[in-house]
C-alpha atoms as a PDB file:
ATOM      1  CA  MET A   1       0.186   0.187  -0.146  1.00  0.00           C
ATOM      2  CA  LEU A   2       2.713   2.338   0.660  1.00  0.00           C
ATOM      3  CA  VAL A   3       4.755   1.412  -2.644  1.00  0.00           C
ATOM      4  CA  GLU A   4       1.779   2.578  -4.296  1.00  0.00           C
ATOM      5  CA  ALA A   5       1.278   5.662  -2.842  1.00  0.00           C
ATOM      6  CA  TYR A   6       5.279   6.767  -2.416  1.00  0.00           C
ATOM      7  CA  GLY A   7       6.821   4.367  -5.359  1.00  0.00           C
ATOM      8  CA  GLY A   8      10.478   3.793  -4.483  1.00  0.00           C
ATOM      9  CA  ASN A   9      10.146   6.636  -1.946  1.00  0.00           C
ATOM     10  CA  ALA A  10       8.269   4.524   0.415  1.00  0.00           C
ATOM     11  CA  LEU A  11       9.994   2.968   3.557  1.00  0.00           C
ATOM     12  CA  SER A  12      10.824  -0.101   3.761  1.00  0.00           C
ATOM     13  CA  ARG A  13       8.744  -2.970   6.225  1.00  0.00           C
ATOM     14  CA  ALA A  14      12.299  -3.044   8.544  1.00  0.00           C
ATOM     15  CA  GLN A  15      12.448   1.189   8.868  1.00  0.00           C
ATOM     16  CA  CYS A  16       8.811   1.047   9.755  1.00  0.00           C
ATOM     17  CA  TYR A  17       8.923  -1.230  12.432  1.00  0.00           C
ATOM     18  CA  ARG A  18      11.871   1.460  13.636  1.00  0.00           C
ATOM     19  CA  TRP A  19       9.702   4.288  13.797  1.00  0.00           C
ATOM     20  CA  PHE A  20       7.422   2.581  15.363  1.00  0.00           C
ATOM     21  CA  GLU A  21       9.405   1.024  18.128  1.00  0.00           C
ATOM     22  CA  LYS A  22      11.024   4.378  18.439  1.00  0.00           C
ATOM     23  CA  PHE A  23       7.323   5.983  18.733  1.00  0.00           C
ATOM     24  CA  GLN A  24       6.313   3.770  21.029  1.00  0.00           C
ATOM     25  CA  ASN A  25       8.828   4.041  23.635  1.00  0.00           C
ATOM     26  CA  GLY A  26       7.775   7.661  23.746  1.00  0.00           C
ATOM     27  CA  ASP A  27      11.754   8.789  21.136  1.00  0.00           C
ATOM     28  CA  PHE A  28       9.722  11.584  18.981  1.00  0.00           C
ATOM     29  CA  ASP A  29      13.439  12.932  18.259  1.00  0.00           C
ATOM     30  CA  VAL A  30      14.177  12.538  14.328  1.00  0.00           C
ATOM     31  CA  ARG A  31      16.613  14.884  14.480  1.00  0.00           C
ATOM     32  CA  ASN A  32      19.503  11.899  14.541  1.00  0.00           C
ATOM     33  CA  ALA A  33      17.635   9.821  12.078  1.00  0.00           C
ATOM     34  CA  ARG A  34      19.355   8.978   8.819  1.00  0.00           C
ATOM     35  CA  SER A  35      17.079   9.803   5.577  1.00  0.00           C
ATOM     36  CA  VAL A  36      16.003   6.669   3.921  1.00  0.00           C
ATOM     37  CA  ALA A  37      17.715   8.137   0.736  1.00  0.00           C
ATOM     38  CA  ASP A  38      20.966   8.059   2.920  1.00  0.00           C
ATOM     39  CA  GLN A  39      20.748   4.334   4.215  1.00  0.00           C
ATOM     40  CA  GLN A  40      20.084   3.662   0.300  1.00  0.00           C
ATOM     41  CA  LYS A  41      23.203   5.016  -0.628  1.00  0.00           C
ATOM     42  CA  ASN A  42      25.758   3.661   1.848  1.00  0.00           C
ATOM     43  CA  LEU A  43      24.014   0.144   1.188  1.00  0.00           C
ATOM     44  CA  LYS A  44      24.587   0.711  -2.996  1.00  0.00           C
ATOM     45  CA  MET A  45      28.322   1.889  -1.453  1.00  0.00           C
ATOM     46  CA  LEU A  46      28.639  -1.256   0.463  1.00  0.00           C
ATOM     47  CA  ASN A  47      27.530  -3.648  -2.165  1.00  0.00           C
ATOM     48  CA  CYS A  48      29.824  -2.120  -4.895  1.00  0.00           C
ATOM     49  CA  LYS A  49      32.650  -4.072  -5.579  1.00  0.00           C
ATOM     50  CA  HIS A  50      34.234  -1.058  -7.279  1.00  0.00           C
ATOM     51  CA  TYR A  51      34.864   0.362  -3.858  1.00  0.00           C
ATOM     52  CA  SER A  52      37.901   0.298  -1.531  1.00  0.00           C
ATOM     53  CA  MET A  53      37.347   0.637   1.909  1.00  0.00           C
ATOM     54  CA  LYS A  54      39.659   4.181   1.585  1.00  0.00           C
ATOM     55  CA  MET A  55      37.533   5.033  -1.084  1.00  0.00           C
ATOM     56  CA  MET A  56      34.556   4.861   1.071  1.00  0.00           C
ATOM     57  CA  ALA A  57      36.066   6.427   3.959  1.00  0.00           C
ATOM     58  CA  LYS A  58      36.844   9.536   1.926  1.00  0.00           C
ATOM     59  CA  ARG A  59      33.446   9.718   1.047  1.00  0.00           C
ATOM     60  CA  LYS A  60      32.024   9.462   4.487  1.00  0.00           C
ATOM     61  CA  ASN A  61      34.969  11.805   5.585  1.00  0.00           C
ATOM     62  CA  ILE A  62      36.181   9.708   8.448  1.00  0.00           C
ATOM     63  CA  LEU A  63      40.116   9.364   8.699  1.00  0.00           C
ATOM     64  CA  HIS A  64      41.666   6.612   8.094  1.00  0.00           C
ATOM     65  CA  ASN A  65      45.100   5.261   9.153  1.00  0.00           C
ATOM     66  CA  ASN A  66      47.469   2.801   8.465  1.00  0.00           C
END
């Protein structure tokens, strides 16, 4: 039903459960929540065999020392 209404912008079932659990526990602070788009980008990046750890760290602005 959500996919019919929102298409590719619909939340996943797992995300709906996480939000429901947060709200049920009285946590209504959404400032620290990552957007669905950010989560999807991270998943794509992790699943891409062409990305090295160094490239991922650079993209996420994480310092990496050897």
